[in-house]
Amino acid sequence: MENAAVERSFSANKELLVDNLHKQSLVSLRSVHLAIIAAGDIRNIDISKALITAFCSSSAKCKADLEEKRAEEVNSEKKKCSEENKGIDYEEKNAGTLQAEVANALQTEINQIRRKMKPF
């Protein structure tokens, strides 16, 4: 019997699924669906002042959530770019040192070869 309830729940969730539906939207739709079932019928739901207020403020809350997510993404991108720039700065500083070391090593090798060679 418990399995049948779970399967009914999956069936209800499948009816609520739509392309590009966010997790929070699915949870909200499921909550509304369960509230309607608990009331017995949609006509039995009491539309209170609190429900109307929640409905009116939902759009503003959604916009605020989207702005917060965008701000987090921008901050994440800035942090990532900053870390990449630090790596580039480190590589540029070390590149100069490496070039100097290679030049010194080559000059030393050239001098050794010249000493070994006989003058013409």
PDB file of N, CA and C in Angstrom:
ATOM      1  N   MET A   1       0.811  -1.195   0.000  1.00  0.00           N
ATOM      2  CA  MET A   1       0.000   0.000   0.000  1.00  0.00           C
ATOM      3  C   MET A   1       0.854   1.258   0.000  1.00  0.00           C
ATOM      4  N   GLU A   2       1.935   1.249   0.746  1.00  0.00           N
ATOM      5  CA  GLU A   2       2.807   2.419   0.812  1.00  0.00           C
ATOM      6  C   GLU A   2       3.401   2.718  -0.556  1.00  0.00           C
ATOM      7  N   ASN A   3       3.662   1.681  -1.325  1.00  0.00           N
ATOM      8  CA  ASN A   3       4.237   1.855  -2.644  1.00  0.00           C
ATOM      9  C   ASN A   3       3.283   2.604  -3.568  1.00  0.00           C
ATOM     10  N   ALA A   4       2.011   2.368  -3.435  1.00  0.00           N
ATOM     11  CA  ALA A   4       1.019   3.037  -4.275  1.00  0.00           C
ATOM     12  C   ALA A   4       1.011   4.539  -3.996  1.00  0.00           C
ATOM     13  N   ALA A   5       1.160   4.930  -2.751  1.00  0.00           N
ATOM     14  CA  ALA A   5       1.183   6.356  -2.400  1.00  0.00           C
ATOM     15  C   ALA A   5       2.404   7.035  -3.010  1.00  0.00           C
ATOM     16  N   VAL A   6       3.521   6.330  -2.953  1.00  0.00           N
ATOM     17  CA  VAL A   6       4.743   6.885  -3.539  1.00  0.00           C
ATOM     18  C   VAL A   6       4.582   7.042  -5.050  1.00  0.00           C
ATOM     19  N   GLU A   7       3.997   6.039  -5.694  1.00  0.00           N
ATOM     20  CA  GLU A   7       3.801   6.103  -7.138  1.00  0.00           C
ATOM     21  C   GLU A   7       2.834   7.213  -7.523  1.00  0.00           C
ATOM     22  N   ARG A   8       1.792   7.431  -6.719  1.00  0.00           N
ATOM     23  CA  ARG A   8       0.868   8.540  -6.972  1.00  0.00           C
ATOM     24  C   ARG A   8       1.603   9.873  -6.857  1.00  0.00           C
ATOM     25  N   SER A   9       2.508   9.955  -5.889  1.00  0.00           N
ATOM     26  CA  SER A   9       3.295  11.172  -5.702  1.00  0.00           C
ATOM     27  C   SER A   9       4.174  11.434  -6.921  1.00  0.00           C
ATOM     28  N   PHE A  10       4.793  10.378  -7.457  1.00  0.00           N
ATOM     29  CA  PHE A  10       5.606  10.532  -8.661  1.00  0.00           C
ATOM     30  C   PHE A  10       4.751  10.988  -9.836  1.00  0.00           C
ATOM     31  N   SER A  11       3.551  10.426  -9.932  1.00  0.00           N
ATOM     32  CA  SER A  11       2.645  10.797 -11.013  1.00  0.00           C
ATOM     33  C   SER A  11       2.264  12.264 -10.912  1.00  0.00           C
ATOM     34  N   ALA A  12       1.991  12.736  -9.703  1.00  0.00           N
ATOM     35  CA  ALA A  12       1.641  14.149  -9.500  1.00  0.00           C
ATOM     36  C   ALA A  12       2.829  15.040  -9.850  1.00  0.00           C
ATOM     37  N   ASN A  13       4.028  14.628  -9.460  1.00  0.00           N
ATOM     38  CA  ASN A  13       5.224  15.414  -9.784  1.00  0.00           C
ATOM     39  C   ASN A  13       5.431  15.483 -11.297  1.00  0.00           C
ATOM     40  N   LYS A  14       5.152  14.373 -11.988  1.00  0.00           N
ATOM     41  CA  LYS A  14       5.333  14.332 -13.442  1.00  0.00           C
ATOM     42  C   LYS A  14       4.388  15.316 -14.122  1.00  0.00           C
ATOM     43  N   GLU A  15       3.172  15.439 -13.601  1.00  0.00           N
ATOM     44  CA  GLU A  15       2.213  16.380 -14.164  1.00  0.00           C
ATOM     45  C   GLU A  15       2.680  17.823 -13.981  1.00  0.00           C
ATOM     46  N   LEU A  16       3.401  18.100 -12.906  1.00  0.00           N
ATOM     47  CA  LEU A  16       3.847  19.457 -12.609  1.00  0.00           C
ATOM     48  C   LEU A  16       5.104  19.855 -13.379  1.00  0.00           C
ATOM     49  N   LEU A  17       5.839  18.864 -13.876  1.00  0.00           N
ATOM     50  CA  LEU A  17       7.113  19.158 -14.549  1.00  0.00           C
ATOM     51  C   LEU A  17       6.894  19.847 -15.892  1.00  0.00           C
ATOM     52  N   VAL A  18       7.687  20.858 -16.123  1.00  0.00           N
ATOM     53  CA  VAL A  18       7.683  21.626 -17.367  1.00  0.00           C
ATOM     54  C   VAL A  18       9.142  21.871 -17.709  1.00  0.00           C
ATOM     55  N   ASP A  19       9.449  22.048 -18.993  1.00  0.00           N
ATOM     56  CA  ASP A  19      10.829  22.352 -19.388  1.00  0.00           C
ATOM     57  C   ASP A  19      11.304  23.616 -18.684  1.00  0.00           C
ATOM     58  N   ASN A  20      12.572  23.626 -18.298  1.00  0.00           N
ATOM     59  CA  ASN A  20      13.225  24.780 -17.656  1.00  0.00           C
ATOM     60  C   ASN A  20      12.590  25.183 -16.333  1.00  0.00           C
ATOM     61  N   LEU A  21      12.019  24.234 -15.617  1.00  0.00           N
ATOM     62  CA  LEU A  21      11.408  24.527 -14.325  1.00  0.00           C
ATOM     63  C   LEU A  21      12.472  24.425 -13.238  1.00  0.00           C
ATOM     64  N   HIS A  22      12.615  25.485 -12.452  1.00  0.00           N
ATOM     65  CA  HIS A  22      13.602  25.499 -11.379  1.00  0.00           C
ATOM     66  C   HIS A  22      13.117  24.667 -10.196  1.00  0.00           C
ATOM     67  N   LYS A  23      14.063  24.223  -9.395  1.00  0.00           N
ATOM     68  CA  LYS A  23      13.746  23.378  -8.244  1.00  0.00           C
ATOM     69  C   LYS A  23      12.763  24.075  -7.305  1.00  0.00           C
ATOM     70  N   GLN A  24      13.015  25.345  -7.007  1.00  0.00           N
ATOM     71  CA  GLN A  24      12.141  26.078  -6.095  1.00  0.00           C
ATOM     72  C   GLN A  24      10.727  26.194  -6.659  1.00  0.00           C
ATOM     73  N   SER A  25      10.604  26.355  -7.965  1.00  0.00           N
ATOM     74  CA  SER A  25       9.285  26.440  -8.593  1.00  0.00           C
ATOM     75  C   SER A  25       8.539  25.115  -8.460  1.00  0.00           C
ATOM     76  N   LEU A  26       9.248  24.003  -8.647  1.00  0.00           N
ATOM     77  CA  LEU A  26       8.628  22.691  -8.503  1.00  0.00           C
ATOM     78  C   LEU A  26       8.153  22.483  -7.072  1.00  0.00           C
ATOM     79  N   VAL A  27       8.978  22.873  -6.108  1.00  0.00           N
ATOM     80  CA  VAL A  27       8.602  22.728  -4.700  1.00  0.00           C
ATOM     81  C   VAL A  27       7.355  23.564  -4.406  1.00  0.00           C
ATOM     82  N   SER A  28       7.318  24.777  -4.942  1.00  0.00           N
ATOM     83  CA  SER A  28       6.167  25.657  -4.722  1.00  0.00           C
ATOM     84  C   SER A  28       4.904  25.090  -5.357  1.00  0.00           C
ATOM     85  N   LEU A  29       5.025  24.604  -6.595  1.00  0.00           N
ATOM     86  CA  LEU A  29       3.869  23.998  -7.256  1.00  0.00           C
ATOM     87  C   LEU A  29       3.365  22.773  -6.501  1.00  0.00           C
ATOM     88  N   ARG A  30       4.299  21.990  -6.000  1.00  0.00           N
ATOM     89  CA  ARG A  30       3.915  20.797  -5.236  1.00  0.00           C
ATOM     90  C   ARG A  30       3.186  21.201  -3.947  1.00  0.00           C
ATOM     91  N   SER A  31       3.636  22.267  -3.294  1.00  0.00           N
ATOM     92  CA  SER A  31       2.984  22.744  -2.068  1.00  0.00           C
ATOM     93  C   SER A  31       1.560  23.193  -2.358  1.00  0.00           C
ATOM     94  N   VAL A  32       1.368  23.910  -3.462  1.00  0.00           N
ATOM     95  CA  VAL A  32       0.022  24.349  -3.848  1.00  0.00           C
ATOM     96  C   VAL A  32      -0.856  23.146  -4.147  1.00  0.00           C
ATOM     97  N   HIS A  33      -0.298  22.187  -4.870  1.00  0.00           N
ATOM     98  CA  HIS A  33      -1.041  20.965  -5.213  1.00  0.00           C
ATOM     99  C   HIS A  33      -1.495  20.234  -3.943  1.00  0.00           C
ATOM    100  N   LEU A  34      -0.590  20.109  -2.986  1.00  0.00           N
ATOM    101  CA  LEU A  34      -0.936  19.424  -1.732  1.00  0.00           C
ATOM    102  C   LEU A  34      -1.976  20.208  -0.929  1.00  0.00           C
ATOM    103  N   ALA A  35      -1.908  21.533  -0.974  1.00  0.00           N
ATOM    104  CA  ALA A  35      -2.897  22.351  -0.264  1.00  0.00           C
ATOM    105  C   ALA A  35      -4.284  22.178  -0.870  1.00  0.00           C
ATOM    106  N   ILE A  36      -4.343  22.084  -2.184  1.00  0.00           N
ATOM    107  CA  ILE A  36      -5.633  21.866  -2.854  1.00  0.00           C
ATOM    108  C   ILE A  36      -6.185  20.498  -2.501  1.00  0.00           C
ATOM    109  N   ILE A  37      -5.325  19.497  -2.484  1.00  0.00           N
ATOM    110  CA  ILE A  37      -5.768  18.144  -2.113  1.00  0.00           C
ATOM    111  C   ILE A  37      -6.274  18.121  -0.677  1.00  0.00           C
ATOM    112  N   ALA A  38      -5.558  18.814   0.218  1.00  0.00           N
ATOM    113  CA  ALA A  38      -5.959  18.847   1.632  1.00  0.00           C
ATOM    114  C   ALA A  38      -7.309  19.549   1.804  1.00  0.00           C
ATOM    115  N   ALA A  39      -7.588  20.563   0.974  1.00  0.00           N
ATOM    116  CA  ALA A  39      -8.856  21.278   1.068  1.00  0.00           C
ATOM    117  C   ALA A  39      -9.991  20.486   0.439  1.00  0.00           C
ATOM    118  N   GLY A  40      -9.662  19.499  -0.358  1.00  0.00           N
ATOM    119  CA  GLY A  40     -10.680  18.668  -0.996  1.00  0.00           C
ATOM    120  C   GLY A  40     -10.989  19.120  -2.412  1.00  0.00           C
ATOM    121  N   ASP A  41     -10.997  20.408  -2.649  1.00  0.00           N
ATOM    122  CA  ASP A  41     -11.280  20.956  -3.968  1.00  0.00           C
ATOM    123  C   ASP A  41     -10.768  22.389  -3.992  1.00  0.00           C
ATOM    124  N   ILE A  42     -10.474  22.889  -5.162  1.00  0.00           N
ATOM    125  CA  ILE A  42      -9.945  24.251  -5.256  1.00  0.00           C
ATOM    126  C   ILE A  42     -10.973  25.281  -4.791  1.00  0.00           C
ATOM    127  N   ARG A  43     -12.260  24.946  -4.927  1.00  0.00           N
ATOM    128  CA  ARG A  43     -13.322  25.866  -4.496  1.00  0.00           C
ATOM    129  C   ARG A  43     -13.438  25.944  -2.985  1.00  0.00           C
ATOM    130  N   ASN A  44     -12.796  25.033  -2.271  1.00  0.00           N
ATOM    131  CA  ASN A  44     -12.856  25.016  -0.814  1.00  0.00           C
ATOM    132  C   ASN A  44     -11.723  25.825  -0.165  1.00  0.00           C
ATOM    133  N   ILE A  45     -10.833  26.370  -0.958  1.00  0.00           N
ATOM    134  CA  ILE A  45      -9.689  27.103  -0.403  1.00  0.00           C
ATOM    135  C   ILE A  45     -10.145  28.498  -0.005  1.00  0.00           C
ATOM    136  N   ASP A  46      -9.824  28.863   1.238  1.00  0.00           N
ATOM    137  CA  ASP A  46     -10.152  30.172   1.768  1.00  0.00           C
ATOM    138  C   ASP A  46      -9.108  31.171   1.297  1.00  0.00           C
ATOM    139  N   ILE A  47      -9.544  32.190   0.557  1.00  0.00           N
ATOM    140  CA  ILE A  47      -8.616  33.205   0.063  1.00  0.00           C
ATOM    141  C   ILE A  47      -8.580  34.325   1.089  1.00  0.00           C
ATOM    142  N   SER A  48      -7.562  34.246   1.944  1.00  0.00           N
ATOM    143  CA  SER A  48      -7.428  35.204   3.044  1.00  0.00           C
ATOM    144  C   SER A  48      -6.602  36.410   2.600  1.00  0.00           C
ATOM    145  N   LYS A  49      -6.589  37.423   3.458  1.00  0.00           N
ATOM    146  CA  LYS A  49      -5.797  38.617   3.183  1.00  0.00           C
ATOM    147  C   LYS A  49      -4.305  38.263   3.139  1.00  0.00           C
ATOM    148  N   ALA A  50      -3.861  37.351   4.014  1.00  0.00           N
ATOM    149  CA  ALA A  50      -2.456  36.923   4.040  1.00  0.00           C
ATOM    150  C   ALA A  50      -2.078  36.240   2.725  1.00  0.00           C
ATOM    151  N   LEU A  51      -2.995  35.449   2.170  1.00  0.00           N
ATOM    152  CA  LEU A  51      -2.734  34.765   0.900  1.00  0.00           C
ATOM    153  C   LEU A  51      -2.607  35.784  -0.232  1.00  0.00           C
ATOM    154  N   ILE A  52      -3.477  36.788  -0.244  1.00  0.00           N
ATOM    155  CA  ILE A  52      -3.416  37.830  -1.273  1.00  0.00           C
ATOM    156  C   ILE A  52      -2.118  38.623  -1.151  1.00  0.00           C
ATOM    157  N   THR A  53      -1.720  38.957   0.079  1.00  0.00           N
ATOM    158  CA  THR A  53      -0.477  39.689   0.308  1.00  0.00           C
ATOM    159  C   THR A  53       0.725  38.872  -0.160  1.00  0.00           C
ATOM    160  N   ALA A  54       0.728  37.579   0.149  1.00  0.00           N
ATOM    161  CA  ALA A  54       1.826  36.704  -0.279  1.00  0.00           C
ATOM    162  C   ALA A  54       1.906  36.642  -1.798  1.00  0.00           C
ATOM    163  N   PHE A  55       0.737  36.564  -2.443  1.00  0.00           N
ATOM    164  CA  PHE A  55       0.699  36.524  -3.910  1.00  0.00           C
ATOM    165  C   PHE A  55       1.261  37.811  -4.503  1.00  0.00           C
ATOM    166  N   CYS A  56       0.852  38.951  -3.945  1.00  0.00           N
ATOM    167  CA  CYS A  56       1.297  40.249  -4.472  1.00  0.00           C
ATOM    168  C   CYS A  56       2.800  40.456  -4.280  1.00  0.00           C
ATOM    169  N   SER A  57       3.349  39.947  -3.210  1.00  0.00           N
ATOM    170  CA  SER A  57       4.777  40.145  -2.945  1.00  0.00           C
ATOM    171  C   SER A  57       5.653  39.082  -3.602  1.00  0.00           C
ATOM    172  N   SER A  58       5.042  38.057  -4.173  1.00  0.00           N
ATOM    173  CA  SER A  58       5.836  36.964  -4.753  1.00  0.00           C
ATOM    174  C   SER A  58       6.675  37.416  -5.943  1.00  0.00           C
ATOM    175  N   SER A  59       6.145  38.305  -6.767  1.00  0.00           N
ATOM    176  CA  SER A  59       6.890  38.784  -7.931  1.00  0.00           C
ATOM    177  C   SER A  59       8.134  39.566  -7.493  1.00  0.00           C
ATOM    178  N   ALA A  60       7.962  40.430  -6.497  1.00  0.00           N
ATOM    179  CA  ALA A  60       9.101  41.209  -6.000  1.00  0.00           C
ATOM    180  C   ALA A  60      10.146  40.296  -5.377  1.00  0.00           C
ATOM    181  N   LYS A  61       9.700  39.276  -4.664  1.00  0.00           N
ATOM    182  CA  LYS A  61      10.635  38.329  -4.039  1.00  0.00           C
ATOM    183  C   LYS A  61      11.396  37.556  -5.116  1.00  0.00           C
ATOM    184  N   CYS A  62      10.700  37.177  -6.163  1.00  0.00           N
ATOM    185  CA  CYS A  62      11.345  36.455  -7.266  1.00  0.00           C
ATOM    186  C   CYS A  62      12.402  37.327  -7.927  1.00  0.00           C
ATOM    187  N   LYS A  63      12.077  38.593  -8.187  1.00  0.00           N
ATOM    188  CA  LYS A  63      13.039  39.510  -8.796  1.00  0.00           C
ATOM    189  C   LYS A  63      14.255  39.710  -7.891  1.00  0.00           C
ATOM    190  N   ALA A  64      14.010  39.837  -6.581  1.00  0.00           N
ATOM    191  CA  ALA A  64      15.125  40.019  -5.638  1.00  0.00           C
ATOM    192  C   ALA A  64      16.022  38.788  -5.631  1.00  0.00           C
ATOM    193  N   ASP A  65      15.421  37.603  -5.675  1.00  0.00           N
ATOM    194  CA  ASP A  65      16.207  36.366  -5.709  1.00  0.00           C
ATOM    195  C   ASP A  65      17.053  36.290  -6.973  1.00  0.00           C
ATOM    196  N   LEU A  66      16.470  36.670  -8.113  1.00  0.00           N
ATOM    197  CA  LEU A  66      17.217  36.652  -9.373  1.00  0.00           C
ATOM    198  C   LEU A  66      18.376  37.641  -9.345  1.00  0.00           C
ATOM    199  N   GLU A  67      18.144  38.840  -8.802  1.00  0.00           N
ATOM    200  CA  GLU A  67      19.215  39.822  -8.701  1.00  0.00           C
ATOM    201  C   GLU A  67      20.340  39.330  -7.793  1.00  0.00           C
ATOM    202  N   GLU A  68      19.959  38.660  -6.716  1.00  0.00           N
ATOM    203  CA  GLU A  68      20.959  38.113  -5.787  1.00  0.00           C
ATOM    204  C   GLU A  68      21.792  37.042  -6.478  1.00  0.00           C
ATOM    205  N   LYS A  69      21.138  36.171  -7.239  1.00  0.00           N
ATOM    206  CA  LYS A  69      21.863  35.123  -7.958  1.00  0.00           C
ATOM    207  C   LYS A  69      22.806  35.731  -8.995  1.00  0.00           C
ATOM    208  N   ARG A  70      22.335  36.749  -9.703  1.00  0.00           N
ATOM    209  CA  ARG A  70      23.189  37.396 -10.709  1.00  0.00           C
ATOM    210  C   ARG A  70      24.393  38.061 -10.048  1.00  0.00           C
ATOM    211  N   ALA A  71      24.155  38.707  -8.902  1.00  0.00           N
ATOM    212  CA  ALA A  71      25.255  39.352  -8.184  1.00  0.00           C
ATOM    213  C   ALA A  71      26.279  38.307  -7.732  1.00  0.00           C
ATOM    214  N   GLU A  72      25.801  37.152  -7.274  1.00  0.00           N
ATOM    215  CA  GLU A  72      26.712  36.077  -6.863  1.00  0.00           C
ATOM    216  C   GLU A  72      27.528  35.584  -8.057  1.00  0.00           C
ATOM    217  N   GLU A  73      26.884  35.451  -9.220  1.00  0.00           N
ATOM    218  CA  GLU A  73      27.596  35.006 -10.422  1.00  0.00           C
ATOM    219  C   GLU A  73      28.664  36.020 -10.830  1.00  0.00           C
ATOM    220  N   VAL A  74      28.308  37.302 -10.768  1.00  0.00           N
ATOM    221  CA  VAL A  74      29.267  38.352 -11.131  1.00  0.00           C
ATOM    222  C   VAL A  74      30.448  38.327 -10.176  1.00  0.00           C
ATOM    223  N   ASN A  75      30.176  38.203  -8.880  1.00  0.00           N
ATOM    224  CA  ASN A  75      31.256  38.144  -7.888  1.00  0.00           C
ATOM    225  C   ASN A  75      32.134  36.927  -8.109  1.00  0.00           C
ATOM    226  N   SER A  76      31.515  35.815  -8.451  1.00  0.00           N
ATOM    227  CA  SER A  76      32.272  34.592  -8.712  1.00  0.00           C
ATOM    228  C   SER A  76      33.183  34.776  -9.926  1.00  0.00           C
ATOM    229  N   GLU A  77      32.645  35.394 -10.979  1.00  0.00           N
ATOM    230  CA  GLU A  77      33.449  35.643 -12.181  1.00  0.00           C
ATOM    231  C   GLU A  77      34.602  36.604 -11.880  1.00  0.00           C
ATOM    232  N   LYS A  78      34.318  37.660 -11.086  1.00  0.00           N
ATOM    233  CA  LYS A  78      35.370  38.612 -10.729  1.00  0.00           C
ATOM    234  C   LYS A  78      36.468  37.919  -9.940  1.00  0.00           C
ATOM    235  N   LYS A  79      36.065  37.061  -9.013  1.00  0.00           N
ATOM    236  CA  LYS A  79      37.043  36.342  -8.197  1.00  0.00           C
ATOM    237  C   LYS A  79      37.890  35.427  -9.079  1.00  0.00           C
ATOM    238  N   LYS A  80      37.233  34.738 -10.006  1.00  0.00           N
ATOM    239  CA  LYS A  80      37.944  33.830 -10.907  1.00  0.00           C
ATOM    240  C   LYS A  80      38.940  34.603 -11.771  1.00  0.00           C
ATOM    241  N   CYS A  81      38.505  35.741 -12.313  1.00  0.00           N
ATOM    242  CA  CYS A  81      39.395  36.564 -13.138  1.00  0.00           C
ATOM    243  C   CYS A  81      40.561  37.102 -12.311  1.00  0.00           C
ATOM    244  N   SER A  82      40.281  37.500 -11.091  1.00  0.00           N
ATOM    245  CA  SER A  82      41.328  38.015 -10.217  1.00  0.00           C
ATOM    246  C   SER A  82      42.383  36.944  -9.946  1.00  0.00           C
ATOM    247  N   GLU A  83      41.932  35.719  -9.678  1.00  0.00           N
ATOM    248  CA  GLU A  83      42.866  34.620  -9.424  1.00  0.00           C
ATOM    249  C   GLU A  83      43.689  34.315 -10.673  1.00  0.00           C
ATOM    250  N   GLU A  84      43.053  34.373 -11.850  1.00  0.00           N
ATOM    251  CA  GLU A  84      43.788  34.125 -13.090  1.00  0.00           C
ATOM    252  C   GLU A  84      44.828  35.217 -13.325  1.00  0.00           C
ATOM    253  N   ASN A  85      44.454  36.471 -13.036  1.00  0.00           N
ATOM    254  CA  ASN A  85      45.401  37.581 -13.213  1.00  0.00           C
ATOM    255  C   ASN A  85      46.583  37.450 -12.268  1.00  0.00           C
ATOM    256  N   LYS A  86      46.342  36.984 -11.050  1.00  0.00           N
ATOM    257  CA  LYS A  86      47.450  36.785 -10.110  1.00  0.00           C
ATOM    258  C   LYS A  86      48.422  35.763 -10.666  1.00  0.00           C
ATOM    259  N   GLY A  87      47.885  34.702 -11.257  1.00  0.00           N
ATOM    260  CA  GLY A  87      48.735  33.678 -11.856  1.00  0.00           C
ATOM    261  C   GLY A  87      49.541  34.219 -13.015  1.00  0.00           C
ATOM    262  N   ILE A  88      48.927  35.071 -13.834  1.00  0.00           N
ATOM    263  CA  ILE A  88      49.625  35.669 -14.972  1.00  0.00           C
ATOM    264  C   ILE A  88      50.725  36.599 -14.476  1.00  0.00           C
ATOM    265  N   ASP A  89      50.417  37.429 -13.455  1.00  0.00           N
ATOM    266  CA  ASP A  89      51.426  38.325 -12.892  1.00  0.00           C
ATOM    267  C   ASP A  89      52.617  37.536 -12.374  1.00  0.00           C
ATOM    268  N   TYR A  90      52.365  36.434 -11.682  1.00  0.00           N
ATOM    269  CA  TYR A  90      53.435  35.598 -11.139  1.00  0.00           C
ATOM    270  C   TYR A  90      54.279  35.033 -12.272  1.00  0.00           C
ATOM    271  N   GLU A  91      53.609  34.567 -13.324  1.00  0.00           N
ATOM    272  CA  GLU A  91      54.338  33.998 -14.455  1.00  0.00           C
ATOM    273  C   GLU A  91      55.178  35.063 -15.163  1.00  0.00           C
ATOM    274  N   GLU A  92      54.635  36.279 -15.299  1.00  0.00           N
ATOM    275  CA  GLU A  92      55.384  37.349 -15.956  1.00  0.00           C
ATOM    276  C   GLU A  92      56.627  37.719 -15.146  1.00  0.00           C
ATOM    277  N   LYS A  93      56.486  37.800 -13.831  1.00  0.00           N
ATOM    278  CA  LYS A  93      57.634  38.130 -12.980  1.00  0.00           C
ATOM    279  C   LYS A  93      58.694  37.049 -13.078  1.00  0.00           C
ATOM    280  N   ASN A  94      58.266  35.804 -13.061  1.00  0.00           N
ATOM    281  CA  ASN A  94      59.212  34.694 -13.132  1.00  0.00           C
ATOM    282  C   ASN A  94      59.793  34.531 -14.529  1.00  0.00           C
ATOM    283  N   ALA A  95      59.069  34.959 -15.547  1.00  0.00           N
ATOM    284  CA  ALA A  95      59.575  34.836 -16.915  1.00  0.00           C
ATOM    285  C   ALA A  95      60.836  35.672 -17.092  1.00  0.00           C
ATOM    286  N   GLY A  96      60.839  36.879 -16.523  1.00  0.00           N
ATOM    287  CA  GLY A  96      62.030  37.728 -16.612  1.00  0.00           C
ATOM    288  C   GLY A  96      63.217  37.096 -15.918  1.00  0.00           C
ATOM    289  N   THR A  97      62.997  36.541 -14.752  1.00  0.00           N
ATOM    290  CA  THR A  97      64.066  35.878 -14.001  1.00  0.00           C
ATOM    291  C   THR A  97      64.562  34.656 -14.765  1.00  0.00           C
ATOM    292  N   LEU A  98      63.659  33.907 -15.324  1.00  0.00           N
ATOM    293  CA  LEU A  98      64.029  32.711 -16.076  1.00  0.00           C
ATOM    294  C   LEU A  98      64.841  33.081 -17.314  1.00  0.00           C
ATOM    295  N   GLN A  99      64.426  34.125 -18.003  1.00  0.00           N
ATOM    296  CA  GLN A  99      65.165  34.568 -19.183  1.00  0.00           C
ATOM    297  C   GLN A  99      66.597  34.976 -18.817  1.00  0.00           C
ATOM    298  N   ALA A 100      66.734  35.668 -17.712  1.00  0.00           N
ATOM    299  CA  ALA A 100      68.067  36.088 -17.274  1.00  0.00           C
ATOM    300  C   ALA A 100      68.928  34.875 -16.936  1.00  0.00           C
ATOM    301  N   GLU A 101      68.353  33.877 -16.276  1.00  0.00           N
ATOM    302  CA  GLU A 101      69.098  32.669 -15.924  1.00  0.00           C
ATOM    303  C   GLU A 101      69.532  31.915 -17.176  1.00  0.00           C
ATOM    304  N   VAL A 102      68.628  31.811 -18.150  1.00  0.00           N
ATOM    305  CA  VAL A 102      68.961  31.115 -19.401  1.00  0.00           C
ATOM    306  C   VAL A 102      70.065  31.878 -20.141  1.00  0.00           C
ATOM    307  N   ALA A 103      69.949  33.199 -20.195  1.00  0.00           N
ATOM    308  CA  ALA A 103      70.965  34.013 -20.870  1.00  0.00           C
ATOM    309  C   ALA A 103      72.324  33.835 -20.197  1.00  0.00           C
ATOM    310  N   ASN A 104      72.365  33.833 -18.876  1.00  0.00           N
ATOM    311  CA  ASN A 104      73.619  33.638 -18.144  1.00  0.00           C
ATOM    312  C   ASN A 104      74.204  32.259 -18.420  1.00  0.00           C
ATOM    313  N   ALA A 105      73.339  31.244 -18.429  1.00  0.00           N
ATOM    314  CA  ALA A 105      73.822  29.888 -18.684  1.00  0.00           C
ATOM    315  C   ALA A 105      74.388  29.773 -20.096  1.00  0.00           C
ATOM    316  N   LEU A 106      73.712  30.372 -21.073  1.00  0.00           N
ATOM    317  CA  LEU A 106      74.198  30.331 -22.451  1.00  0.00           C
ATOM    318  C   LEU A 106      75.526  31.083 -22.592  1.00  0.00           C
ATOM    319  N   GLN A 107      75.617  32.224 -21.945  1.00  0.00           N
ATOM    320  CA  GLN A 107      76.858  33.010 -22.016  1.00  0.00           C
ATOM    321  C   GLN A 107      78.013  32.233 -21.402  1.00  0.00           C
ATOM    322  N   THR A 108      77.757  31.554 -20.281  1.00  0.00           N
ATOM    323  CA  THR A 108      78.791  30.744 -19.634  1.00  0.00           C
ATOM    324  C   THR A 108      79.244  29.629 -20.570  1.00  0.00           C
ATOM    325  N   GLU A 109      78.282  28.994 -21.236  1.00  0.00           N
ATOM    326  CA  GLU A 109      78.612  27.900 -22.147  1.00  0.00           C
ATOM    327  C   GLU A 109      79.403  28.417 -23.348  1.00  0.00           C
ATOM    328  N   ILE A 110      79.018  29.574 -23.862  1.00  0.00           N
ATOM    329  CA  ILE A 110      79.750  30.174 -24.994  1.00  0.00           C
ATOM    330  C   ILE A 110      81.188  30.482 -24.583  1.00  0.00           C
ATOM    331  N   ASN A 111      81.359  31.031 -23.400  1.00  0.00           N
ATOM    332  CA  ASN A 111      82.709  31.352 -22.915  1.00  0.00           C
ATOM    333  C   ASN A 111      83.551  30.095 -22.762  1.00  0.00           C
ATOM    334  N   GLN A 112      82.957  29.015 -22.282  1.00  0.00           N
ATOM    335  CA  GLN A 112      83.701  27.765 -22.130  1.00  0.00           C
ATOM    336  C   GLN A 112      84.126  27.227 -23.491  1.00  0.00           C
ATOM    337  N   ILE A 113      83.235  27.316 -24.474  1.00  0.00           N
ATOM    338  CA  ILE A 113      83.566  26.829 -25.824  1.00  0.00           C
ATOM    339  C   ILE A 113      84.681  27.675 -26.425  1.00  0.00           C
ATOM    340  N   ARG A 114      84.625  28.983 -26.208  1.00  0.00           N
ATOM    341  CA  ARG A 114      85.667  29.858 -26.751  1.00  0.00           C
ATOM    342  C   ARG A 114      87.031  29.545 -26.154  1.00  0.00           C
ATOM    343  N   ARG A 115      87.066  29.210 -24.862  1.00  0.00           N
ATOM    344  CA  ARG A 115      88.341  28.876 -24.213  1.00  0.00           C
ATOM    345  C   ARG A 115      88.918  27.593 -24.785  1.00  0.00           C
ATOM    346  N   LYS A 116      88.045  26.668 -25.144  1.00  0.00           N
ATOM    347  CA  LYS A 116      88.504  25.396 -25.666  1.00  0.00           C
ATOM    348  C   LYS A 116      88.994  25.520 -27.097  1.00  0.00           C
ATOM    349  N   MET A 117      88.452  26.454 -27.815  1.00  0.00           N
ATOM    350  CA  MET A 117      88.834  26.627 -29.225  1.00  0.00           C
ATOM    351  C   MET A 117      90.223  27.275 -29.330  1.00  0.00           C
ATOM    352  N   LYS A 118      90.953  26.877 -30.344  1.00  0.00           N
ATOM    353  CA  LYS A 118      92.258  27.479 -30.569  1.00  0.00           C
ATOM    354  C   LYS A 118      92.076  28.701 -31.436  1.00  0.00           C
ATOM    355  N   PRO A 119      92.788  29.754 -31.154  1.00  0.00           N
ATOM    356  CA  PRO A 119      92.672  30.942 -32.011  1.00  0.00           C
ATOM    357  C   PRO A 119      93.290  30.640 -33.377  1.00  0.00           C
ATOM    358  N   PHE A 120      92.749  31.190 -34.408  1.00  0.00           N
ATOM    359  CA  PHE A 120      93.254  30.969 -35.774  1.00  0.00           C
ATOM    360  C   PHE A 120      94.356  31.866 -36.082  1.00  0.00           C
TER     361      PHE A 120
END
